[in-house]
Amino acid sequence: MSPPNGAAYRWIFSCSLVQWLPDPCATFRRWHDFADN
């Protein structure tokens, strides 16, 4: 939920993490916020 500041990322990757997230929808929105267009 707290990715490093800096560039807007063109690619976001994750493997075997999401099932552990307590609030996956909020996390997906957070990823959307710091992703590039």
PDB file of all heavy atoms in Angstrom:
ATOM      1  N   MET A   1       0.809  -1.215   0.000  1.00  0.00           N
ATOM      2  CA  MET A   1       0.000   0.000   0.000  1.00  0.00           C
ATOM      3  C   MET A   1       0.844   1.268   0.000  1.00  0.00           C
ATOM      4  O   MET A   1       0.311   2.364  -0.160  1.00  0.00           O
ATOM      5  CB  MET A   1      -0.918   0.009   1.228  1.00  0.00           C
ATOM      6  CG  MET A   1      -2.161  -0.845   1.082  1.00  0.00           C
ATOM      7  SD  MET A   1      -3.352  -0.157  -0.097  1.00  0.00           S
ATOM      8  CE  MET A   1      -3.976   1.250   0.839  1.00  0.00           C
ATOM      9  N   SER A   2       2.148   1.135   0.187  1.00  0.00           N
ATOM     10  CA  SER A   2       3.022   2.310   0.269  1.00  0.00           C
ATOM     11  C   SER A   2       4.235   2.126  -0.631  1.00  0.00           C
ATOM     12  O   SER A   2       5.357   1.949  -0.154  1.00  0.00           O
ATOM     13  CB  SER A   2       3.468   2.527   1.720  1.00  0.00           C
ATOM     14  OG  SER A   2       2.361   2.642   2.580  1.00  0.00           O
ATOM     15  N   PRO A   3       4.042   2.143  -1.936  1.00  0.00           N
ATOM     16  CA  PRO A   3       5.155   1.930  -2.863  1.00  0.00           C
ATOM     17  C   PRO A   3       6.127   3.098  -2.821  1.00  0.00           C
ATOM     18  O   PRO A   3       5.797   4.185  -2.343  1.00  0.00           O
ATOM     19  CB  PRO A   3       4.462   1.845  -4.222  1.00  0.00           C
ATOM     20  CG  PRO A   3       3.223   2.654  -4.044  1.00  0.00           C
ATOM     21  CD  PRO A   3       2.777   2.413  -2.627  1.00  0.00           C
ATOM     22  N   PRO A   4       7.335   2.893  -3.298  1.00  0.00           N
ATOM     23  CA  PRO A   4       8.318   3.978  -3.282  1.00  0.00           C
ATOM     24  C   PRO A   4       7.886   5.142  -4.157  1.00  0.00           C
ATOM     25  O   PRO A   4       7.282   4.959  -5.216  1.00  0.00           O
ATOM     26  CB  PRO A   4       9.587   3.308  -3.833  1.00  0.00           C
ATOM     27  CG  PRO A   4       9.095   2.116  -4.588  1.00  0.00           C
ATOM     28  CD  PRO A   4       7.876   1.649  -3.866  1.00  0.00           C
ATOM     29  N   ASN A   5       8.174   6.341  -3.691  1.00  0.00           N
ATOM     30  CA  ASN A   5       7.859   7.533  -4.470  1.00  0.00           C
ATOM     31  C   ASN A   5       8.815   7.643  -5.651  1.00  0.00           C
ATOM     32  O   ASN A   5       9.896   7.075  -5.664  1.00  0.00           O
ATOM     33  CB  ASN A   5       7.965   8.783  -3.599  1.00  0.00           C
ATOM     34  CG  ASN A   5       6.917   8.809  -2.506  1.00  0.00           C
ATOM     35  OD1 ASN A   5       5.802   8.348  -2.709  1.00  0.00           O
ATOM     36  ND2 ASN A   5       7.275   9.335  -1.342  1.00  0.00           N
ATOM     37  N   GLY A   6       8.417   8.416  -6.638  1.00  0.00           N
ATOM     38  CA  GLY A   6       9.291   8.615  -7.791  1.00  0.00           C
ATOM     39  C   GLY A   6       8.505   8.522  -9.077  1.00  0.00           C
ATOM     40  O   GLY A   6       7.426   9.110  -9.210  1.00  0.00           O
ATOM     41  N   ALA A   7       9.025   7.743 -10.005  1.00  0.00           N
ATOM     42  CA  ALA A   7       8.441   7.663 -11.338  1.00  0.00           C
ATOM     43  C   ALA A   7       7.036   7.062 -11.289  1.00  0.00           C
ATOM     44  O   ALA A   7       6.716   6.243 -10.438  1.00  0.00           O
ATOM     45  CB  ALA A   7       9.333   6.803 -12.231  1.00  0.00           C
ATOM     46  N   ALA A   8       6.227   7.510 -12.240  1.00  0.00           N
ATOM     47  CA  ALA A   8       4.941   6.849 -12.453  1.00  0.00           C
ATOM     48  C   ALA A   8       5.245   5.576 -13.236  1.00  0.00           C
ATOM     49  O   ALA A   8       5.822   5.621 -14.315  1.00  0.00           O
ATOM     50  CB  ALA A   8       4.006   7.752 -13.237  1.00  0.00           C
ATOM     51  N   TYR A   9       4.868   4.455 -12.681  1.00  0.00           N
ATOM     52  CA  TYR A   9       5.300   3.180 -13.250  1.00  0.00           C
ATOM     53  C   TYR A   9       4.463   2.795 -14.459  1.00  0.00           C
ATOM     54  O   TYR A   9       3.238   2.881 -14.443  1.00  0.00           O
ATOM     55  CB  TYR A   9       5.243   2.094 -12.176  1.00  0.00           C
ATOM     56  CG  TYR A   9       6.217   2.348 -11.064  1.00  0.00           C
ATOM     57  CD1 TYR A   9       5.813   2.976  -9.892  1.00  0.00           C
ATOM     58  CD2 TYR A   9       7.558   2.007 -11.198  1.00  0.00           C
ATOM     59  CE1 TYR A   9       6.720   3.243  -8.869  1.00  0.00           C
ATOM     60  CE2 TYR A   9       8.469   2.265 -10.186  1.00  0.00           C
ATOM     61  CZ  TYR A   9       8.038   2.883  -9.030  1.00  0.00           C
ATOM     62  OH  TYR A   9       8.938   3.159  -8.029  1.00  0.00           O
ATOM     63  N   ARG A  10       5.147   2.368 -15.493  1.00  0.00           N
ATOM     64  CA  ARG A  10       4.472   1.901 -16.698  1.00  0.00           C
ATOM     65  C   ARG A  10       4.027   0.446 -16.563  1.00  0.00           C
ATOM     66  O   ARG A  10       3.108   0.008 -17.226  1.00  0.00           O
ATOM     67  CB  ARG A  10       5.396   2.055 -17.905  1.00  0.00           C
ATOM     68  CG  ARG A  10       4.728   1.791 -19.255  1.00  0.00           C
ATOM     69  CD  ARG A  10       5.678   2.063 -20.403  1.00  0.00           C
ATOM     70  NE  ARG A  10       6.106   3.459 -20.411  1.00  0.00           N
ATOM     71  CZ  ARG A  10       7.051   3.943 -21.220  1.00  0.00           C
ATOM     72  NH1 ARG A  10       7.683   3.129 -22.048  1.00  0.00           N
ATOM     73  NH2 ARG A  10       7.367   5.219 -21.174  1.00  0.00           N
ATOM     74  N   TRP A  11       4.730  -0.275 -15.699  1.00  0.00           N
ATOM     75  CA  TRP A  11       4.426  -1.687 -15.464  1.00  0.00           C
ATOM     76  C   TRP A  11       4.347  -1.951 -13.966  1.00  0.00           C
ATOM     77  O   TRP A  11       5.198  -1.478 -13.208  1.00  0.00           O
ATOM     78  CB  TRP A  11       5.505  -2.586 -16.058  1.00  0.00           C
ATOM     79  CG  TRP A  11       5.638  -2.515 -17.545  1.00  0.00           C
ATOM     80  CD1 TRP A  11       6.443  -1.666 -18.255  1.00  0.00           C
ATOM     81  CD2 TRP A  11       4.958  -3.320 -18.504  1.00  0.00           C
ATOM     82  NE1 TRP A  11       6.310  -1.886 -19.592  1.00  0.00           N
ATOM     83  CE2 TRP A  11       5.407  -2.907 -19.788  1.00  0.00           C
ATOM     84  CE3 TRP A  11       4.020  -4.349 -18.402  1.00  0.00           C
ATOM     85  CZ2 TRP A  11       4.946  -3.496 -20.957  1.00  0.00           C
ATOM     86  CZ3 TRP A  11       3.555  -4.937 -19.571  1.00  0.00           C
ATOM     87  CH2 TRP A  11       4.015  -4.512 -20.834  1.00  0.00           C
ATOM     88  N   ILE A  12       3.342  -2.725 -13.557  1.00  0.00           N
ATOM     89  CA  ILE A  12       3.226  -3.161 -12.169  1.00  0.00           C
ATOM     90  C   ILE A  12       3.062  -4.677 -12.176  1.00  0.00           C
ATOM     91  O   ILE A  12       2.238  -5.220 -12.924  1.00  0.00           O
ATOM     92  CB  ILE A  12       2.031  -2.488 -11.466  1.00  0.00           C
ATOM     93  CG1 ILE A  12       2.242  -0.971 -11.422  1.00  0.00           C
ATOM     94  CG2 ILE A  12       1.861  -3.035 -10.056  1.00  0.00           C
ATOM     95  CD1 ILE A  12       1.066  -0.214 -10.862  1.00  0.00           C
ATOM     96  N   PHE A  13       3.862  -5.325 -11.339  1.00  0.00           N
ATOM     97  CA  PHE A  13       3.866  -6.786 -11.291  1.00  0.00           C
ATOM     98  C   PHE A  13       3.683  -7.273  -9.858  1.00  0.00           C
ATOM     99  O   PHE A  13       4.103  -6.618  -8.900  1.00  0.00           O
ATOM    100  CB  PHE A  13       5.194  -7.338 -11.833  1.00  0.00           C
ATOM    101  CG  PHE A  13       5.519  -6.920 -13.233  1.00  0.00           C
ATOM    102  CD1 PHE A  13       6.439  -5.911 -13.483  1.00  0.00           C
ATOM    103  CD2 PHE A  13       4.900  -7.541 -14.305  1.00  0.00           C
ATOM    104  CE1 PHE A  13       6.746  -5.517 -14.782  1.00  0.00           C
ATOM    105  CE2 PHE A  13       5.186  -7.158 -15.609  1.00  0.00           C
ATOM    106  CZ  PHE A  13       6.114  -6.148 -15.844  1.00  0.00           C
ATOM    107  N   SER A  14       3.083  -8.438  -9.741  1.00  0.00           N
ATOM    108  CA  SER A  14       2.947  -9.060  -8.427  1.00  0.00           C
ATOM    109  C   SER A  14       2.632 -10.532  -8.621  1.00  0.00           C
ATOM    110  O   SER A  14       1.884 -10.902  -9.530  1.00  0.00           O
ATOM    111  CB  SER A  14       1.830  -8.389  -7.624  1.00  0.00           C
ATOM    112  OG  SER A  14       1.659  -9.042  -6.384  1.00  0.00           O
ATOM    113  N   CYS A  15       3.222 -11.368  -7.769  1.00  0.00           N
ATOM    114  CA  CYS A  15       2.975 -12.804  -7.870  1.00  0.00           C
ATOM    115  C   CYS A  15       2.852 -13.396  -6.468  1.00  0.00           C
ATOM    116  O   CYS A  15       3.755 -13.234  -5.642  1.00  0.00           O
ATOM    117  CB  CYS A  15       4.108 -13.486  -8.642  1.00  0.00           C
ATOM    118  SG  CYS A  15       3.822 -15.237  -8.984  1.00  0.00           S
ATOM    119  N   SER A  16       1.740 -14.051  -6.202  1.00  0.00           N
ATOM    120  CA  SER A  16       1.481 -14.750  -4.937  1.00  0.00           C
ATOM    121  C   SER A  16       1.394 -13.819  -3.732  1.00  0.00           C
ATOM    122  O   SER A  16       1.688 -14.221  -2.608  1.00  0.00           O
ATOM    123  CB  SER A  16       2.553 -15.828  -4.688  1.00  0.00           C
ATOM    124  OG  SER A  16       2.580 -16.772  -5.728  1.00  0.00           O
ATOM    125  N   LEU A  17       0.964 -12.592  -3.959  1.00  0.00           N
ATOM    126  CA  LEU A  17       0.805 -11.614  -2.884  1.00  0.00           C
ATOM    127  C   LEU A  17      -0.653 -11.311  -2.572  1.00  0.00           C
ATOM    128  O   LEU A  17      -1.058 -11.251  -1.411  1.00  0.00           O
ATOM    129  CB  LEU A  17       1.515 -10.307  -3.257  1.00  0.00           C
ATOM    130  CG  LEU A  17       1.123  -9.068  -2.433  1.00  0.00           C
ATOM    131  CD1 LEU A  17       1.675  -9.172  -1.008  1.00  0.00           C
ATOM    132  CD2 LEU A  17       1.587  -7.782  -3.105  1.00  0.00           C
ATOM    133  N   VAL A  18      -1.456 -11.094  -3.606  1.00  0.00           N
ATOM    134  CA  VAL A  18      -2.752 -10.439  -3.459  1.00  0.00           C
ATOM    135  C   VAL A  18      -3.682 -11.178  -2.508  1.00  0.00           C
ATOM    136  O   VAL A  18      -4.484 -10.554  -1.798  1.00  0.00           O
ATOM    137  CB  VAL A  18      -3.397 -10.245  -4.851  1.00  0.00           C
ATOM    138  CG1 VAL A  18      -4.857  -9.813  -4.736  1.00  0.00           C
ATOM    139  CG2 VAL A  18      -2.606  -9.203  -5.646  1.00  0.00           C
ATOM    140  N   GLN A  19      -3.590 -12.521  -2.438  1.00  0.00           N
ATOM    141  CA  GLN A  19      -4.499 -13.252  -1.555  1.00  0.00           C
ATOM    142  C   GLN A  19      -4.321 -12.884  -0.090  1.00  0.00           C
ATOM    143  O   GLN A  19      -5.213 -13.099   0.730  1.00  0.00           O
ATOM    144  CB  GLN A  19      -4.326 -14.767  -1.731  1.00  0.00           C
ATOM    145  CG  GLN A  19      -3.045 -15.357  -1.174  1.00  0.00           C
ATOM    146  CD  GLN A  19      -1.881 -15.315  -2.148  1.00  0.00           C
ATOM    147  OE1 GLN A  19      -2.006 -14.777  -3.249  1.00  0.00           O
ATOM    148  NE2 GLN A  19      -0.761 -15.897  -1.765  1.00  0.00           N
ATOM    149  N   TRP A  20      -3.161 -12.305   0.267  1.00  0.00           N
ATOM    150  CA  TRP A  20      -2.899 -11.933   1.661  1.00  0.00           C
ATOM    151  C   TRP A  20      -3.382 -10.526   2.004  1.00  0.00           C
ATOM    152  O   TRP A  20      -3.375 -10.134   3.171  1.00  0.00           O
ATOM    153  CB  TRP A  20      -1.403 -12.003   1.953  1.00  0.00           C
ATOM    154  CG  TRP A  20      -0.794 -13.356   1.803  1.00  0.00           C
ATOM    155  CD1 TRP A  20       0.159 -13.732   0.896  1.00  0.00           C
ATOM    156  CD2 TRP A  20      -1.072 -14.526   2.585  1.00  0.00           C
ATOM    157  NE1 TRP A  20       0.489 -15.049   1.054  1.00  0.00           N
ATOM    158  CE2 TRP A  20      -0.252 -15.566   2.090  1.00  0.00           C
ATOM    159  CE3 TRP A  20      -1.934 -14.796   3.643  1.00  0.00           C
ATOM    160  CZ2 TRP A  20      -0.272 -16.858   2.627  1.00  0.00           C
ATOM    161  CZ3 TRP A  20      -1.962 -16.081   4.179  1.00  0.00           C
ATOM    162  CH2 TRP A  20      -1.137 -17.092   3.673  1.00  0.00           C
ATOM    163  N   LEU A  21      -3.782  -9.732   1.004  1.00  0.00           N
ATOM    164  CA  LEU A  21      -4.134  -8.342   1.263  1.00  0.00           C
ATOM    165  C   LEU A  21      -5.410  -8.239   2.098  1.00  0.00           C
ATOM    166  O   LEU A  21      -6.432  -8.826   1.743  1.00  0.00           O
ATOM    167  CB  LEU A  21      -4.328  -7.592  -0.060  1.00  0.00           C
ATOM    168  CG  LEU A  21      -3.101  -7.482  -0.965  1.00  0.00           C
ATOM    169  CD1 LEU A  21      -3.486  -6.840  -2.291  1.00  0.00           C
ATOM    170  CD2 LEU A  21      -1.982  -6.701  -0.282  1.00  0.00           C
ATOM    171  N   PRO A  22      -5.390  -7.464   3.182  1.00  0.00           N
ATOM    172  CA  PRO A  22      -6.603  -7.328   3.998  1.00  0.00           C
ATOM    173  C   PRO A  22      -7.707  -6.550   3.298  1.00  0.00           C
ATOM    174  O   PRO A  22      -8.888  -6.774   3.568  1.00  0.00           O
ATOM    175  CB  PRO A  22      -6.106  -6.595   5.256  1.00  0.00           C
ATOM    176  CG  PRO A  22      -4.851  -5.901   4.827  1.00  0.00           C
ATOM    177  CD  PRO A  22      -4.237  -6.777   3.781  1.00  0.00           C
ATOM    178  N   ASP A  23      -7.334  -5.626   2.402  1.00  0.00           N
ATOM    179  CA  ASP A  23      -8.322  -4.832   1.655  1.00  0.00           C
ATOM    180  C   ASP A  23      -7.841  -4.721   0.216  1.00  0.00           C
ATOM    181  O   ASP A  23      -7.257  -3.720  -0.191  1.00  0.00           O
ATOM    182  CB  ASP A  23      -8.472  -3.437   2.286  1.00  0.00           C
ATOM    183  CG  ASP A  23      -9.629  -2.649   1.687  1.00  0.00           C
ATOM    184  OD1 ASP A  23     -10.131  -3.038   0.620  1.00  0.00           O
ATOM    185  OD2 ASP A  23     -10.026  -1.634   2.291  1.00  0.00           O
ATOM    186  N   PRO A  24      -8.050  -5.775  -0.581  1.00  0.00           N
ATOM    187  CA  PRO A  24      -7.497  -5.767  -1.936  1.00  0.00           C
ATOM    188  C   PRO A  24      -8.033  -4.658  -2.823  1.00  0.00           C
ATOM    189  O   PRO A  24      -7.299  -4.113  -3.648  1.00  0.00           O
ATOM    190  CB  PRO A  24      -7.870  -7.148  -2.480  1.00  0.00           C
ATOM    191  CG  PRO A  24      -8.969  -7.638  -1.605  1.00  0.00           C
ATOM    192  CD  PRO A  24      -8.729  -7.043  -0.266  1.00  0.00           C
ATOM    193  N   CYS A  25      -9.297  -4.281  -2.655  1.00  0.00           N
ATOM    194  CA  CYS A  25      -9.842  -3.220  -3.504  1.00  0.00           C
ATOM    195  C   CYS A  25      -9.115  -1.902  -3.256  1.00  0.00           C
ATOM    196  O   CYS A  25      -8.746  -1.194  -4.193  1.00  0.00           O
ATOM    197  CB  CYS A  25     -11.335  -3.068  -3.261  1.00  0.00           C
ATOM    198  SG  CYS A  25     -12.144  -1.987  -4.466  1.00  0.00           S
ATOM    199  N   ALA A  26      -8.884  -1.583  -1.977  1.00  0.00           N
ATOM    200  CA  ALA A  26      -8.145  -0.358  -1.649  1.00  0.00           C
ATOM    201  C   ALA A  26      -6.721  -0.423  -2.192  1.00  0.00           C
ATOM    202  O   ALA A  26      -6.172   0.586  -2.660  1.00  0.00           O
ATOM    203  CB  ALA A  26      -8.134  -0.139  -0.140  1.00  0.00           C
ATOM    204  N   THR A  27      -6.114  -1.598  -2.145  1.00  0.00           N
ATOM    205  CA  THR A  27      -4.751  -1.745  -2.655  1.00  0.00           C
ATOM    206  C   THR A  27      -4.728  -1.591  -4.172  1.00  0.00           C
ATOM    207  O   THR A  27      -3.840  -0.930  -4.721  1.00  0.00           O
ATOM    208  CB  THR A  27      -4.174  -3.107  -2.249  1.00  0.00           C
ATOM    209  OG1 THR A  27      -4.257  -3.247  -0.824  1.00  0.00           O
ATOM    210  CG2 THR A  27      -2.717  -3.221  -2.659  1.00  0.00           C
ATOM    211  N   PHE A  28      -5.685  -2.184  -4.858  1.00  0.00           N
ATOM    212  CA  PHE A  28      -5.756  -2.020  -6.316  1.00  0.00           C
ATOM    213  C   PHE A  28      -5.924  -0.543  -6.685  1.00  0.00           C
ATOM    214  O   PHE A  28      -5.349  -0.064  -7.673  1.00  0.00           O
ATOM    215  CB  PHE A  28      -6.927  -2.823  -6.886  1.00  0.00           C
ATOM    216  CG  PHE A  28      -6.737  -4.312  -6.864  1.00  0.00           C
ATOM    217  CD1 PHE A  28      -7.843  -5.162  -6.805  1.00  0.00           C
ATOM    218  CD2 PHE A  28      -5.480  -4.885  -6.911  1.00  0.00           C
ATOM    219  CE1 PHE A  28      -7.691  -6.540  -6.796  1.00  0.00           C
ATOM    220  CE2 PHE A  28      -5.307  -6.272  -6.898  1.00  0.00           C
ATOM    221  CZ  PHE A  28      -6.418  -7.094  -6.841  1.00  0.00           C
ATOM    222  N   ARG A  29      -6.717   0.187  -5.900  1.00  0.00           N
ATOM    223  CA  ARG A  29      -6.876   1.623  -6.169  1.00  0.00           C
ATOM    224  C   ARG A  29      -5.557   2.358  -5.945  1.00  0.00           C
ATOM    225  O   ARG A  29      -5.216   3.286  -6.694  1.00  0.00           O
ATOM    226  CB  ARG A  29      -7.958   2.218  -5.254  1.00  0.00           C
ATOM    227  CG  ARG A  29      -9.367   1.795  -5.579  1.00  0.00           C
ATOM    228  CD  ARG A  29     -10.375   2.695  -4.878  1.00  0.00           C
ATOM    229  NE  ARG A  29     -11.725   2.159  -4.965  1.00  0.00           N
ATOM    230  CZ  ARG A  29     -12.343   1.494  -3.992  1.00  0.00           C
ATOM    231  NH1 ARG A  29     -11.720   1.300  -2.832  1.00  0.00           N
ATOM    232  NH2 ARG A  29     -13.564   1.037  -4.156  1.00  0.00           N
ATOM    233  N   ARG A  30      -4.835   1.970  -4.912  1.00  0.00           N
ATOM    234  CA  ARG A  30      -3.540   2.592  -4.633  1.00  0.00           C
ATOM    235  C   ARG A  30      -2.569   2.344  -5.774  1.00  0.00           C
ATOM    236  O   ARG A  30      -1.846   3.248  -6.199  1.00  0.00           O
ATOM    237  CB  ARG A  30      -2.984   2.034  -3.320  1.00  0.00           C
ATOM    238  CG  ARG A  30      -1.677   2.679  -2.900  1.00  0.00           C
ATOM    239  CD  ARG A  30      -1.874   4.078  -2.372  1.00  0.00           C
ATOM    240  NE  ARG A  30      -0.612   4.673  -1.997  1.00  0.00           N
ATOM    241  CZ  ARG A  30      -0.010   5.674  -2.648  1.00  0.00           C
ATOM    242  NH1 ARG A  30      -0.590   6.219  -3.702  1.00  0.00           N
ATOM    243  NH2 ARG A  30       1.132   6.157  -2.224  1.00  0.00           N
ATOM    244  N   TRP A  31      -2.564   1.130  -6.291  1.00  0.00           N
ATOM    245  CA  TRP A  31      -1.706   0.829  -7.428  1.00  0.00           C
ATOM    246  C   TRP A  31      -2.111   1.669  -8.647  1.00  0.00           C
ATOM    247  O   TRP A  31      -1.260   2.144  -9.395  1.00  0.00           O
ATOM    248  CB  TRP A  31      -1.790  -0.654  -7.772  1.00  0.00           C
ATOM    249  CG  TRP A  31      -1.243  -1.562  -6.701  1.00  0.00           C
ATOM    250  CD1 TRP A  31      -0.678  -1.194  -5.514  1.00  0.00           C
ATOM    251  CD2 TRP A  31      -1.225  -2.993  -6.705  1.00  0.00           C
ATOM    252  NE1 TRP A  31      -0.308  -2.296  -4.785  1.00  0.00           N
ATOM    253  CE2 TRP A  31      -0.632  -3.417  -5.485  1.00  0.00           C
ATOM    254  CE3 TRP A  31      -1.661  -3.955  -7.619  1.00  0.00           C
ATOM    255  CZ2 TRP A  31      -0.461  -4.763  -5.176  1.00  0.00           C
ATOM    256  CZ3 TRP A  31      -1.495  -5.299  -7.307  1.00  0.00           C
ATOM    257  CH2 TRP A  31      -0.895  -5.694  -6.106  1.00  0.00           C
ATOM    258  N   HIS A  32      -3.408   1.847  -8.806  1.00  0.00           N
ATOM    259  CA  HIS A  32      -3.917   2.679  -9.910  1.00  0.00           C
ATOM    260  C   HIS A  32      -3.415   4.113  -9.764  1.00  0.00           C
ATOM    261  O   HIS A  32      -3.054   4.765 -10.754  1.00  0.00           O
ATOM    262  CB  HIS A  32      -5.454   2.638  -9.886  1.00  0.00           C
ATOM    263  CG  HIS A  32      -6.121   3.376 -10.996  1.00  0.00           C
ATOM    264  ND1 HIS A  32      -6.360   4.739 -10.947  1.00  0.00           N
ATOM    265  CD2 HIS A  32      -6.611   2.950 -12.190  1.00  0.00           C
ATOM    266  CE1 HIS A  32      -6.970   5.113 -12.057  1.00  0.00           C
ATOM    267  NE2 HIS A  32      -7.137   4.055 -12.823  1.00  0.00           N
ATOM    268  N   ASP A  33      -3.328   4.604  -8.529  1.00  0.00           N
ATOM    269  CA  ASP A  33      -2.923   5.988  -8.288  1.00  0.00           C
ATOM    270  C   ASP A  33      -1.484   6.266  -8.732  1.00  0.00           C
ATOM    271  O   ASP A  33      -1.193   7.352  -9.255  1.00  0.00           O
ATOM    272  CB  ASP A  33      -3.061   6.340  -6.803  1.00  0.00           C
ATOM    273  CG  ASP A  33      -4.515   6.419  -6.352  1.00  0.00           C
ATOM    274  OD1 ASP A  33      -5.400   6.534  -7.225  1.00  0.00           O
ATOM    275  OD2 ASP A  33      -4.753   6.358  -5.133  1.00  0.00           O
ATOM    276  N   PHE A  34      -0.577   5.339  -8.493  1.00  0.00           N
ATOM    277  CA  PHE A  34       0.819   5.624  -8.816  1.00  0.00           C
ATOM    278  C   PHE A  34       1.263   5.017 -10.149  1.00  0.00           C
ATOM    279  O   PHE A  34       2.431   5.096 -10.509  1.00  0.00           O
ATOM    280  CB  PHE A  34       1.770   5.199  -7.690  1.00  0.00           C
ATOM    281  CG  PHE A  34       1.767   3.736  -7.343  1.00  0.00           C
ATOM    282  CD1 PHE A  34       2.351   2.803  -8.158  1.00  0.00           C
ATOM    283  CD2 PHE A  34       1.183   3.312  -6.158  1.00  0.00           C
ATOM    284  CE1 PHE A  34       2.360   1.459  -7.823  1.00  0.00           C
ATOM    285  CE2 PHE A  34       1.191   1.976  -5.810  1.00  0.00           C
ATOM    286  CZ  PHE A  34       1.782   1.042  -6.653  1.00  0.00           C
ATOM    287  N   ALA A  35       0.321   4.437 -10.893  1.00  0.00           N
ATOM    288  CA  ALA A  35       0.639   3.916 -12.219  1.00  0.00           C
ATOM    289  C   ALA A  35       0.533   5.024 -13.261  1.00  0.00           C
ATOM    290  O   ALA A  35      -0.257   5.961 -13.123  1.00  0.00           O
ATOM    291  CB  ALA A  35      -0.316   2.780 -12.571  1.00  0.00           C
ATOM    292  N   ASP A  36       1.324   4.902 -14.307  1.00  0.00           N
ATOM    293  CA  ASP A  36       1.279   5.832 -15.425  1.00  0.00           C
ATOM    294  C   ASP A  36      -0.024   5.630 -16.197  1.00  0.00           C
ATOM    295  O   ASP A  36      -0.710   4.612 -16.041  1.00  0.00           O
ATOM    296  CB  ASP A  36       2.482   5.563 -16.336  1.00  0.00           C
ATOM    297  CG  ASP A  36       2.760   6.735 -17.275  1.00  0.00           C
ATOM    298  OD1 ASP A  36       2.018   7.737 -17.219  1.00  0.00           O
ATOM    299  OD2 ASP A  36       3.715   6.647 -18.062  1.00  0.00           O
ATOM    300  N   ASN A  37      -0.379   6.621 -17.028  1.00  0.00           N
ATOM    301  CA  ASN A  37      -1.543   6.463 -17.889  1.00  0.00           C
ATOM    302  C   ASN A  37      -1.363   5.240 -18.775  1.00  0.00           C
ATOM    303  O   ASN A  37      -0.291   5.043 -19.365  1.00  0.00           O
ATOM    304  CB  ASN A  37      -1.735   7.703 -18.759  1.00  0.00           C
ATOM    305  CG  ASN A  37      -2.151   8.911 -17.951  1.00  0.00           C
ATOM    306  OD1 ASN A  37      -2.759   8.775 -16.884  1.00  0.00           O
ATOM    307  ND2 ASN A  37      -1.832  10.105 -18.436  1.00  0.00           N
TER     308      ASN A  37
END
